[in-house]
Amino acid sequence: MGEWRAALATDPVLLFRFSALTYNGHRIHYDRPYATRAEGYPDLVVHGPLLALLALELPRIHAPERVVRSFSYRLVRPAFLPSRLISVGRPAASSAEITVGAEGAEPSLTAEASFS
């Protein structure tokens, strides 16, 4: 089995829309002056649930015939704008190990999807 990959470019509009979609009012995701000055981040922070959704996209795209039975993930470091997020999956017979992170950086999320 080969490696699964997908990429997503991020920008302030994507994060603002995801905040609205998920009713997440935390300003670190859409207010750059607040994120950088008040919170001390280098830029806007990518939502953890957005990283998880990118992880779940890999089985949907690369193995649509397989049903995800369980999914667990761990956020291990933040991702910031501007970044191109890269999802990488390593499928096995009954599961897949998945990572998501900014291109060229260590992963921000590690996950495992189990299949029925």
N, C-alpha and C. Protein backbone atom coordinates (compact mmCIF):
# COMPACT_ATOMS: atom_id res chain seq x y z
N MET A 1 0.84 -1.18 0.00
CA MET A 1 0.00 0.00 0.00
C MET A 1 0.88 1.24 0.00
N GLY A 2 0.51 2.18 -0.81
CA GLY A 2 1.27 3.42 -0.88
C GLY A 2 0.85 4.41 0.17
N GLU A 3 1.60 5.47 0.25
CA GLU A 3 1.32 6.53 1.20
C GLU A 3 0.21 7.44 0.66
N TRP A 4 -0.68 7.86 1.53
CA TRP A 4 -1.74 8.80 1.16
C TRP A 4 -1.25 10.21 1.47
N ARG A 5 -1.56 11.16 0.58
CA ARG A 5 -1.18 12.56 0.81
C ARG A 5 -2.28 13.49 0.32
N ALA A 6 -2.42 14.61 1.01
CA ALA A 6 -3.31 15.68 0.58
C ALA A 6 -2.75 16.98 1.14
N ALA A 7 -3.05 18.09 0.48
CA ALA A 7 -2.55 19.39 0.91
C ALA A 7 -3.69 20.40 0.93
N LEU A 8 -3.56 21.39 1.79
CA LEU A 8 -4.54 22.47 1.86
C LEU A 8 -3.80 23.77 2.17
N ALA A 9 -3.99 24.76 1.31
CA ALA A 9 -3.44 26.09 1.58
C ALA A 9 -4.34 26.77 2.60
N THR A 10 -3.73 27.47 3.53
CA THR A 10 -4.50 28.18 4.56
C THR A 10 -4.35 29.68 4.37
N ASP A 11 -5.38 30.39 4.79
CA ASP A 11 -5.33 31.85 4.77
C ASP A 11 -6.32 32.37 5.82
N PRO A 12 -6.30 33.67 6.09
CA PRO A 12 -7.21 34.21 7.12
C PRO A 12 -8.69 33.97 6.82
N VAL A 13 -9.07 33.97 5.56
CA VAL A 13 -10.48 33.76 5.21
C VAL A 13 -10.91 32.35 5.59
N LEU A 14 -10.09 31.34 5.31
CA LEU A 14 -10.41 29.96 5.68
C LEU A 14 -10.61 29.85 7.19
N LEU A 15 -9.70 30.43 7.97
CA LEU A 15 -9.81 30.33 9.43
C LEU A 15 -11.04 31.09 9.94
N PHE A 16 -11.33 32.24 9.36
CA PHE A 16 -12.52 32.98 9.77
C PHE A 16 -13.78 32.17 9.49
N ARG A 17 -13.85 31.59 8.30
CA ARG A 17 -15.03 30.80 7.94
C ARG A 17 -15.16 29.55 8.82
N PHE A 18 -14.04 28.90 9.12
CA PHE A 18 -14.10 27.72 9.98
C PHE A 18 -14.55 28.12 11.39
N SER A 19 -14.09 29.27 11.86
CA SER A 19 -14.54 29.78 13.16
C SER A 19 -16.05 29.98 13.16
N ALA A 20 -16.56 30.57 12.09
CA ALA A 20 -18.00 30.81 11.99
C ALA A 20 -18.76 29.49 11.91
N LEU A 21 -18.27 28.58 11.11
CA LEU A 21 -18.92 27.29 10.94
C LEU A 21 -19.02 26.51 12.25
N THR A 22 -17.99 26.61 13.07
CA THR A 22 -17.94 25.84 14.31
C THR A 22 -18.32 26.67 15.54
N TYR A 23 -18.77 27.90 15.32
CA TYR A 23 -19.15 28.80 16.41
C TYR A 23 -18.00 28.99 17.39
N ASN A 24 -16.78 29.07 16.86
CA ASN A 24 -15.60 29.26 17.69
C ASN A 24 -15.24 30.74 17.66
N GLY A 25 -15.47 31.41 18.75
CA GLY A 25 -15.21 32.85 18.82
C GLY A 25 -13.84 33.23 19.32
N HIS A 26 -12.93 32.26 19.48
CA HIS A 26 -11.61 32.61 20.01
C HIS A 26 -10.85 33.42 18.97
N ARG A 27 -10.40 34.57 19.37
CA ARG A 27 -9.79 35.53 18.44
C ARG A 27 -8.45 35.09 17.88
N ILE A 28 -7.80 34.09 18.46
CA ILE A 28 -6.51 33.65 17.93
C ILE A 28 -6.63 33.06 16.53
N HIS A 29 -7.86 32.76 16.10
CA HIS A 29 -8.07 32.15 14.79
C HIS A 29 -8.42 33.17 13.70
N TYR A 30 -8.81 34.40 14.08
CA TYR A 30 -9.23 35.35 13.04
C TYR A 30 -8.78 36.79 13.26
N ASP A 31 -8.22 37.10 14.41
CA ASP A 31 -7.81 38.48 14.72
C ASP A 31 -6.29 38.50 14.87
N ARG A 32 -5.58 38.81 13.78
CA ARG A 32 -4.11 38.75 13.78
C ARG A 32 -3.49 39.66 14.84
N PRO A 33 -3.89 40.93 14.96
CA PRO A 33 -3.28 41.75 16.02
C PRO A 33 -3.47 41.16 17.42
N TYR A 34 -4.63 40.61 17.70
CA TYR A 34 -4.86 39.99 19.00
C TYR A 34 -3.95 38.76 19.17
N ALA A 35 -3.92 37.90 18.16
CA ALA A 35 -3.12 36.66 18.25
C ALA A 35 -1.64 36.97 18.46
N THR A 36 -1.14 37.98 17.77
CA THR A 36 0.30 38.26 17.85
C THR A 36 0.66 39.14 19.05
N ARG A 37 -0.15 40.14 19.33
CA ARG A 37 0.20 41.07 20.41
C ARG A 37 -0.25 40.58 21.79
N ALA A 38 -1.50 40.22 21.91
CA ALA A 38 -2.03 39.83 23.22
C ALA A 38 -1.62 38.42 23.61
N GLU A 39 -1.62 37.48 22.64
CA GLU A 39 -1.31 36.08 22.96
C GLU A 39 0.14 35.69 22.67
N GLY A 40 0.84 36.50 21.87
CA GLY A 40 2.26 36.24 21.60
C GLY A 40 2.54 35.19 20.54
N TYR A 41 1.53 34.83 19.75
CA TYR A 41 1.74 33.87 18.68
C TYR A 41 2.39 34.55 17.48
N PRO A 42 3.07 33.80 16.63
CA PRO A 42 3.70 34.41 15.45
C PRO A 42 2.69 34.83 14.38
N ASP A 43 1.51 34.24 14.37
CA ASP A 43 0.45 34.58 13.41
C ASP A 43 -0.84 33.92 13.89
N LEU A 44 -1.86 33.90 13.03
CA LEU A 44 -3.12 33.24 13.39
C LEU A 44 -2.89 31.75 13.60
N VAL A 45 -3.66 31.16 14.51
CA VAL A 45 -3.52 29.75 14.88
C VAL A 45 -4.57 28.93 14.10
N VAL A 46 -4.11 27.87 13.46
CA VAL A 46 -5.01 26.96 12.74
C VAL A 46 -5.78 26.14 13.78
N HIS A 47 -7.07 25.99 13.58
CA HIS A 47 -7.94 25.24 14.49
C HIS A 47 -7.52 23.77 14.57
N GLY A 48 -7.50 23.22 15.77
CA GLY A 48 -7.26 21.79 15.95
C GLY A 48 -8.29 20.94 15.24
N PRO A 49 -9.59 21.25 15.35
CA PRO A 49 -10.59 20.45 14.63
C PRO A 49 -10.44 20.50 13.11
N LEU A 50 -9.91 21.59 12.58
CA LEU A 50 -9.65 21.65 11.14
C LEU A 50 -8.56 20.65 10.77
N LEU A 51 -7.52 20.56 11.60
CA LEU A 51 -6.46 19.57 11.36
C LEU A 51 -7.03 18.15 11.41
N ALA A 52 -7.94 17.91 12.36
CA ALA A 52 -8.55 16.58 12.48
C ALA A 52 -9.39 16.26 11.24
N LEU A 53 -10.13 17.23 10.73
CA LEU A 53 -10.91 17.00 9.51
C LEU A 53 -10.01 16.70 8.32
N LEU A 54 -8.87 17.36 8.25
CA LEU A 54 -7.92 17.07 7.16
C LEU A 54 -7.40 15.64 7.27
N ALA A 55 -7.19 15.18 8.49
CA ALA A 55 -6.76 13.79 8.69
C ALA A 55 -7.83 12.82 8.20
N LEU A 56 -9.08 13.10 8.52
CA LEU A 56 -10.18 12.22 8.13
C LEU A 56 -10.47 12.26 6.63
N GLU A 57 -10.01 13.29 5.96
CA GLU A 57 -10.19 13.37 4.51
C GLU A 57 -9.37 12.30 3.78
N LEU A 58 -8.26 11.89 4.34
CA LEU A 58 -7.40 10.93 3.63
C LEU A 58 -8.09 9.61 3.34
N PRO A 59 -8.72 8.94 4.31
CA PRO A 59 -9.43 7.71 3.96
C PRO A 59 -10.59 7.95 3.01
N ARG A 60 -11.28 9.08 3.16
CA ARG A 60 -12.39 9.38 2.27
C ARG A 60 -11.92 9.53 0.82
N ILE A 61 -10.80 10.19 0.62
CA ILE A 61 -10.27 10.42 -0.73
C ILE A 61 -9.61 9.18 -1.30
N HIS A 62 -8.76 8.53 -0.49
CA HIS A 62 -7.89 7.47 -1.01
C HIS A 62 -8.44 6.06 -0.84
N ALA A 63 -9.43 5.88 0.03
CA ALA A 63 -10.01 4.55 0.24
C ALA A 63 -11.51 4.69 0.50
N PRO A 64 -12.25 5.22 -0.46
CA PRO A 64 -13.67 5.49 -0.22
C PRO A 64 -14.50 4.23 0.07
N GLU A 65 -13.99 3.07 -0.29
CA GLU A 65 -14.72 1.83 -0.02
C GLU A 65 -14.56 1.36 1.43
N ARG A 66 -13.63 1.94 2.15
CA ARG A 66 -13.39 1.55 3.54
C ARG A 66 -14.19 2.46 4.47
N VAL A 67 -14.72 1.87 5.54
CA VAL A 67 -15.50 2.62 6.52
C VAL A 67 -14.64 2.85 7.76
N VAL A 68 -14.53 4.11 8.16
CA VAL A 68 -13.78 4.42 9.38
C VAL A 68 -14.65 4.03 10.57
N ARG A 69 -14.15 3.09 11.37
CA ARG A 69 -14.87 2.59 12.55
C ARG A 69 -14.55 3.43 13.77
N SER A 70 -13.29 3.85 13.89
CA SER A 70 -12.90 4.71 15.01
C SER A 70 -11.79 5.64 14.55
N PHE A 71 -11.71 6.76 15.23
CA PHE A 71 -10.71 7.78 14.90
C PHE A 71 -10.26 8.42 16.19
N SER A 72 -8.97 8.46 16.41
CA SER A 72 -8.43 9.14 17.58
C SER A 72 -7.27 10.01 17.14
N TYR A 73 -7.15 11.15 17.78
CA TYR A 73 -6.07 12.05 17.40
C TYR A 73 -5.51 12.77 18.61
N ARG A 74 -4.33 13.31 18.41
CA ARG A 74 -3.68 14.10 19.45
C ARG A 74 -3.06 15.33 18.80
N LEU A 75 -3.36 16.48 19.36
CA LEU A 75 -2.74 17.71 18.91
C LEU A 75 -1.41 17.86 19.65
N VAL A 76 -0.32 17.92 18.91
CA VAL A 76 1.00 17.91 19.54
C VAL A 76 1.74 19.24 19.46
N ARG A 77 1.34 20.12 18.55
CA ARG A 77 1.92 21.46 18.46
C ARG A 77 1.03 22.31 17.57
N PRO A 78 1.03 23.61 17.78
CA PRO A 78 0.16 24.46 16.96
C PRO A 78 0.71 24.63 15.54
N ALA A 79 -0.19 24.95 14.64
CA ALA A 79 0.17 25.34 13.27
C ALA A 79 -0.31 26.77 13.09
N PHE A 80 0.47 27.55 12.36
CA PHE A 80 0.19 28.96 12.19
C PHE A 80 0.11 29.33 10.71
N LEU A 81 -0.59 30.42 10.43
CA LEU A 81 -0.56 30.99 9.09
C LEU A 81 0.76 31.70 8.89
N PRO A 82 1.18 31.93 7.68
CA PRO A 82 0.67 31.27 6.48
C PRO A 82 1.31 29.90 6.39
N SER A 83 0.56 28.92 6.03
CA SER A 83 1.13 27.59 5.87
C SER A 83 0.31 26.78 4.89
N ARG A 84 0.96 25.85 4.27
CA ARG A 84 0.30 24.84 3.46
C ARG A 84 0.29 23.60 4.32
N LEU A 85 -0.89 23.12 4.66
CA LEU A 85 -1.01 21.96 5.53
C LEU A 85 -0.90 20.69 4.69
N ILE A 86 -0.12 19.75 5.19
CA ILE A 86 0.09 18.48 4.50
C ILE A 86 -0.42 17.36 5.39
N SER A 87 -1.32 16.55 4.85
CA SER A 87 -1.82 15.35 5.54
C SER A 87 -1.13 14.15 4.90
N VAL A 88 -0.62 13.26 5.74
CA VAL A 88 0.05 12.07 5.25
C VAL A 88 -0.51 10.86 6.00
N GLY A 89 -0.94 9.86 5.25
CA GLY A 89 -1.45 8.64 5.85
C GLY A 89 -0.63 7.44 5.44
N ARG A 90 -0.44 6.55 6.38
CA ARG A 90 0.27 5.30 6.13
C ARG A 90 -0.71 4.17 6.40
N PRO A 91 -1.40 3.71 5.34
CA PRO A 91 -2.44 2.69 5.53
C PRO A 91 -1.86 1.31 5.78
N ALA A 92 -2.60 0.54 6.56
CA ALA A 92 -2.30 -0.87 6.81
C ALA A 92 -3.59 -1.64 6.55
N ALA A 93 -3.60 -2.91 6.85
CA ALA A 93 -4.76 -3.75 6.56
C ALA A 93 -6.04 -3.25 7.24
N SER A 94 -5.96 -2.89 8.52
CA SER A 94 -7.19 -2.52 9.24
C SER A 94 -7.15 -1.13 9.85
N SER A 95 -6.10 -0.36 9.55
CA SER A 95 -6.00 0.98 10.13
C SER A 95 -5.07 1.85 9.28
N ALA A 96 -4.96 3.09 9.68
CA ALA A 96 -4.02 4.01 9.04
C ALA A 96 -3.49 4.97 10.09
N GLU A 97 -2.19 5.20 10.06
CA GLU A 97 -1.57 6.23 10.89
C GLU A 97 -1.52 7.49 10.04
N ILE A 98 -1.93 8.61 10.63
CA ILE A 98 -2.05 9.85 9.88
C ILE A 98 -1.37 10.99 10.66
N THR A 99 -0.69 11.85 9.92
CA THR A 99 -0.14 13.07 10.51
C THR A 99 -0.59 14.26 9.66
N VAL A 100 -0.71 15.41 10.33
CA VAL A 100 -1.05 16.65 9.64
C VAL A 100 -0.18 17.74 10.22
N GLY A 101 0.40 18.54 9.35
CA GLY A 101 1.22 19.66 9.82
C GLY A 101 1.54 20.62 8.71
N ALA A 102 2.13 21.73 9.08
CA ALA A 102 2.56 22.71 8.09
C ALA A 102 3.71 22.12 7.28
N GLU A 103 3.69 22.41 6.00
CA GLU A 103 4.73 21.90 5.11
C GLU A 103 6.11 22.32 5.63
N GLY A 104 7.01 21.34 5.74
CA GLY A 104 8.36 21.60 6.19
C GLY A 104 8.53 21.64 7.70
N ALA A 105 7.45 21.44 8.45
CA ALA A 105 7.51 21.47 9.92
C ALA A 105 7.14 20.10 10.47
N GLU A 106 7.40 19.91 11.73
CA GLU A 106 6.98 18.70 12.42
C GLU A 106 5.44 18.67 12.45
N PRO A 107 4.85 17.48 12.54
CA PRO A 107 3.38 17.40 12.55
C PRO A 107 2.76 18.15 13.73
N SER A 108 1.59 18.70 13.48
CA SER A 108 0.79 19.34 14.53
C SER A 108 -0.23 18.36 15.11
N LEU A 109 -0.56 17.31 14.33
CA LEU A 109 -1.55 16.33 14.75
C LEU A 109 -1.06 14.95 14.36
N THR A 110 -1.24 14.00 15.27
CA THR A 110 -1.04 12.59 14.95
C THR A 110 -2.36 11.89 15.19
N ALA A 111 -2.66 10.89 14.35
CA ALA A 111 -3.97 10.25 14.45
C ALA A 111 -3.89 8.80 14.00
N GLU A 112 -4.94 8.06 14.39
CA GLU A 112 -5.10 6.70 13.90
C GLU A 112 -6.58 6.51 13.53
N ALA A 113 -6.79 6.00 12.35
CA ALA A 113 -8.13 5.64 11.90
C ALA A 113 -8.18 4.12 11.76
N SER A 114 -9.20 3.52 12.36
CA SER A 114 -9.41 2.07 12.24
C SER A 114 -10.58 1.82 11.31
N PHE A 115 -10.47 0.78 10.51
CA PHE A 115 -11.51 0.46 9.52
C PHE A 115 -12.28 -0.78 9.92
N SER A 116 -13.58 -0.83 9.50
CA SER A 116 -14.37 -2.02 9.76
C SER A 116 -14.02 -3.08 8.76
